[in-house]
C-alpha atoms as a PDB file:
ATOM      1  CA  MET A   1      -7.011  10.324   3.391  1.00  0.00           C
ATOM      2  CA  LYS A   2      -5.599   7.338   1.359  1.00  0.00           C
ATOM      3  CA  ARG A   3      -5.064   4.036   3.246  1.00  0.00           C
ATOM      4  CA  THR A   4      -1.686   2.352   3.027  1.00  0.00           C
ATOM      5  CA  LYS A   5      -3.000  -1.042   3.951  1.00  0.00           C
ATOM      6  CA  LYS A   6      -5.088  -3.431   1.884  1.00  0.00           C
ATOM      7  CA  LYS A   7      -8.515  -4.398   3.178  1.00  0.00           C
ATOM      8  CA  ILE A   8      -9.212  -8.125   3.313  1.00  0.00           C
ATOM      9  CA  LYS A   9     -12.614  -9.461   4.308  1.00  0.00           C
ATOM     10  CA  LYS A  10     -12.408 -12.582   6.543  1.00  0.00           C
ATOM     11  CA  LYS A  11     -15.092 -14.805   8.091  1.00  0.00           C
ATOM     12  CA  THR A  12     -14.331 -15.757  11.659  1.00  0.00           C
ATOM     13  CA  PRO A  13     -15.136 -19.136  13.241  1.00  0.00           C
ATOM     14  CA  GLY A  14     -18.075 -17.482  15.081  1.00  0.00           C
ATOM     15  CA  GLY A  15     -19.667 -16.557  11.696  1.00  0.00           C
ATOM     16  CA  LYS A  16     -18.875 -12.870  11.800  1.00  0.00           C
ATOM     17  CA  ASN A  17     -17.494 -11.031   8.816  1.00  0.00           C
ATOM     18  CA  VAL A  18     -14.549  -8.791   9.808  1.00  0.00           C
ATOM     19  CA  ILE A  19     -12.107  -6.581   7.863  1.00  0.00           C
ATOM     20  CA  HIS A  20      -8.320  -7.308   8.326  1.00  0.00           C
ATOM     21  CA  PHE A  21      -5.750  -4.842   7.031  1.00  0.00           C
ATOM     22  CA  ARG A  22      -2.665  -6.280   5.266  1.00  0.00           C
ATOM     23  CA  LYS A  23       0.399  -4.206   4.637  1.00  0.00           C
ATOM     24  CA  LYS A  24       1.591  -3.780   1.044  1.00  0.00           C
ATOM     25  CA  ARG A  25       4.915  -5.012  -0.082  1.00  0.00           C
ATOM     26  CA  SER A  26       7.644  -2.444  -0.566  1.00  0.00           C
ATOM     27  CA  SER A  27       8.434  -1.364  -4.094  1.00  0.00           C
ATOM     28  CA  HIS A  28      11.652  -2.154  -6.012  1.00  0.00           C
ATOM     29  CA  ALA A  29      14.626  -0.142  -5.114  1.00  0.00           C
ATOM     30  CA  LEU A  30      15.412   2.272  -7.971  1.00  0.00           C
ATOM     31  CA  CYS A  31      18.554   4.043  -9.170  1.00  0.00           C
ATOM     32  CA  SER A  32      18.555   7.651  -7.891  1.00  0.00           C
ATOM     33  CA  ASN A  33      20.045   8.888 -11.199  1.00  0.00           C
ATOM     34  CA  CYS A  34      18.214   7.025 -14.021  1.00  0.00           C
ATOM     35  CA  GLY A  35      15.377   5.276 -12.249  1.00  0.00           C
ATOM     36  CA  ALA A  36      16.314   1.710 -13.254  1.00  0.00           C
ATOM     37  CA  LYS A  37      15.486  -1.195 -10.898  1.00  0.00           C
ATOM     38  CA  LEU A  38      18.279  -2.217  -8.600  1.00  0.00           C
ATOM     39  CA  ASN A  39      19.168  -5.876  -7.945  1.00  0.00           C
ATOM     40  CA  ARG A  40      18.162  -5.985  -4.240  1.00  0.00           C
ATOM     41  CA  PRO A  41      15.947  -8.106  -2.142  1.00  0.00           C
ATOM     42  CA  ARG A  42      12.320  -6.922  -2.282  1.00  0.00           C
ATOM     43  CA  LEU A  43      11.089  -7.910   1.157  1.00  0.00           C
ATOM     44  CA  LYS A  44       8.770  -6.664   3.832  1.00  0.00           C
ATOM     45  CA  ILE A  45      10.204  -4.335   6.452  1.00  0.00           C
ATOM     46  CA  LEU A  46      10.078  -7.008   9.128  1.00  0.00           C
ATOM     47  CA  GLU A  47      11.917  -9.497   6.849  1.00  0.00           C
ATOM     48  CA  ILE A  48      14.600  -6.948   6.031  1.00  0.00           C
ATOM     49  CA  ARG A  49      15.321  -6.297   9.734  1.00  0.00           C
ATOM     50  CA  LYS A  50      16.253 -10.016  10.169  1.00  0.00           C
ATOM     51  CA  LEU A  51      18.906  -9.913   7.395  1.00  0.00           C
ATOM     52  CA  PRO A  52      22.474  -9.207   8.215  1.00  0.00           C
ATOM     53  CA  LYS A  53      23.833  -5.728   7.332  1.00  0.00           C
ATOM     54  CA  THR A  54      25.708  -6.947   4.186  1.00  0.00           C
ATOM     55  CA  LYS A  55      22.567  -8.429   2.640  1.00  0.00           C
ATOM     56  CA  LYS A  56      20.464  -5.234   3.050  1.00  0.00           C
ATOM     57  CA  ARG A  57      22.508  -3.113   0.739  1.00  0.00           C
ATOM     58  CA  PRO A  58      25.621  -3.360  -1.402  1.00  0.00           C
ATOM     59  CA  GLU A  59      28.980  -2.387   0.098  1.00  0.00           C
ATOM     60  CA  ARG A  60      30.220   0.238  -2.293  1.00  0.00           C
ATOM     61  CA  PRO A  61      30.572   4.007  -2.115  1.00  0.00           C
ATOM     62  CA  THR A  62      27.367   4.620  -4.173  1.00  0.00           C
ATOM     63  CA  PRO A  63      24.765   1.969  -3.053  1.00  0.00           C
ATOM     64  CA  ASN A  64      21.814   3.953  -4.651  1.00  0.00           C
ATOM     65  CA  PHE A  65      23.191   3.903  -8.274  1.00  0.00           C
ATOM     66  CA  CYS A  66      22.800   1.227 -10.849  1.00  0.00           C
ATOM     67  CA  PRO A  67      26.084  -0.251 -12.358  1.00  0.00           C
ATOM     68  CA  LYS A  68      25.917   1.975 -15.524  1.00  0.00           C
ATOM     69  CA  CYS A  69      25.424   5.197 -13.528  1.00  0.00           C
ATOM     70  CA  MET A  70      28.027   4.181 -10.997  1.00  0.00           C
ATOM     71  CA  LYS A  71      30.572   3.704 -13.813  1.00  0.00           C
ATOM     72  CA  GLU A  72      29.724   7.204 -15.217  1.00  0.00           C
ATOM     73  CA  TYR A  73      29.957   8.643 -11.719  1.00  0.00           C
ATOM     74  CA  PHE A  74      33.450   7.281 -11.094  1.00  0.00           C
ATOM     75  CA  LYS A  75      34.593   8.348 -14.592  1.00  0.00           C
ATOM     76  CA  ASN A  76      33.514  11.956 -13.849  1.00  0.00           C
ATOM     77  CA  LYS A  77      35.101  11.877 -10.422  1.00  0.00           C
ATOM     78  CA  VAL A  78      38.459  10.777 -11.964  1.00  0.00           C
ATOM     79  CA  ARG A  79      38.272  13.395 -14.660  1.00  0.00           C
ATOM     80  CA  GLU A  80      37.756  16.273 -12.121  1.00  0.00           C
END
């Protein structure tokens, strides 16, 4: 089974060598249509919880699309 946390070797004040596990940072948010990186904060989960709701995600009908895909999406919606 693959670990999700990074191993870090530390030396304690008592002289023992111990292993601490550090969580990895979350990856960049990607567009669900084309896979381009979205301009969102790349923070740890605990840091994201502290942000207000408006900072966590954009307030628009399609928050998981990049601007180019969003423009195409709305064009297609109007043409239907």
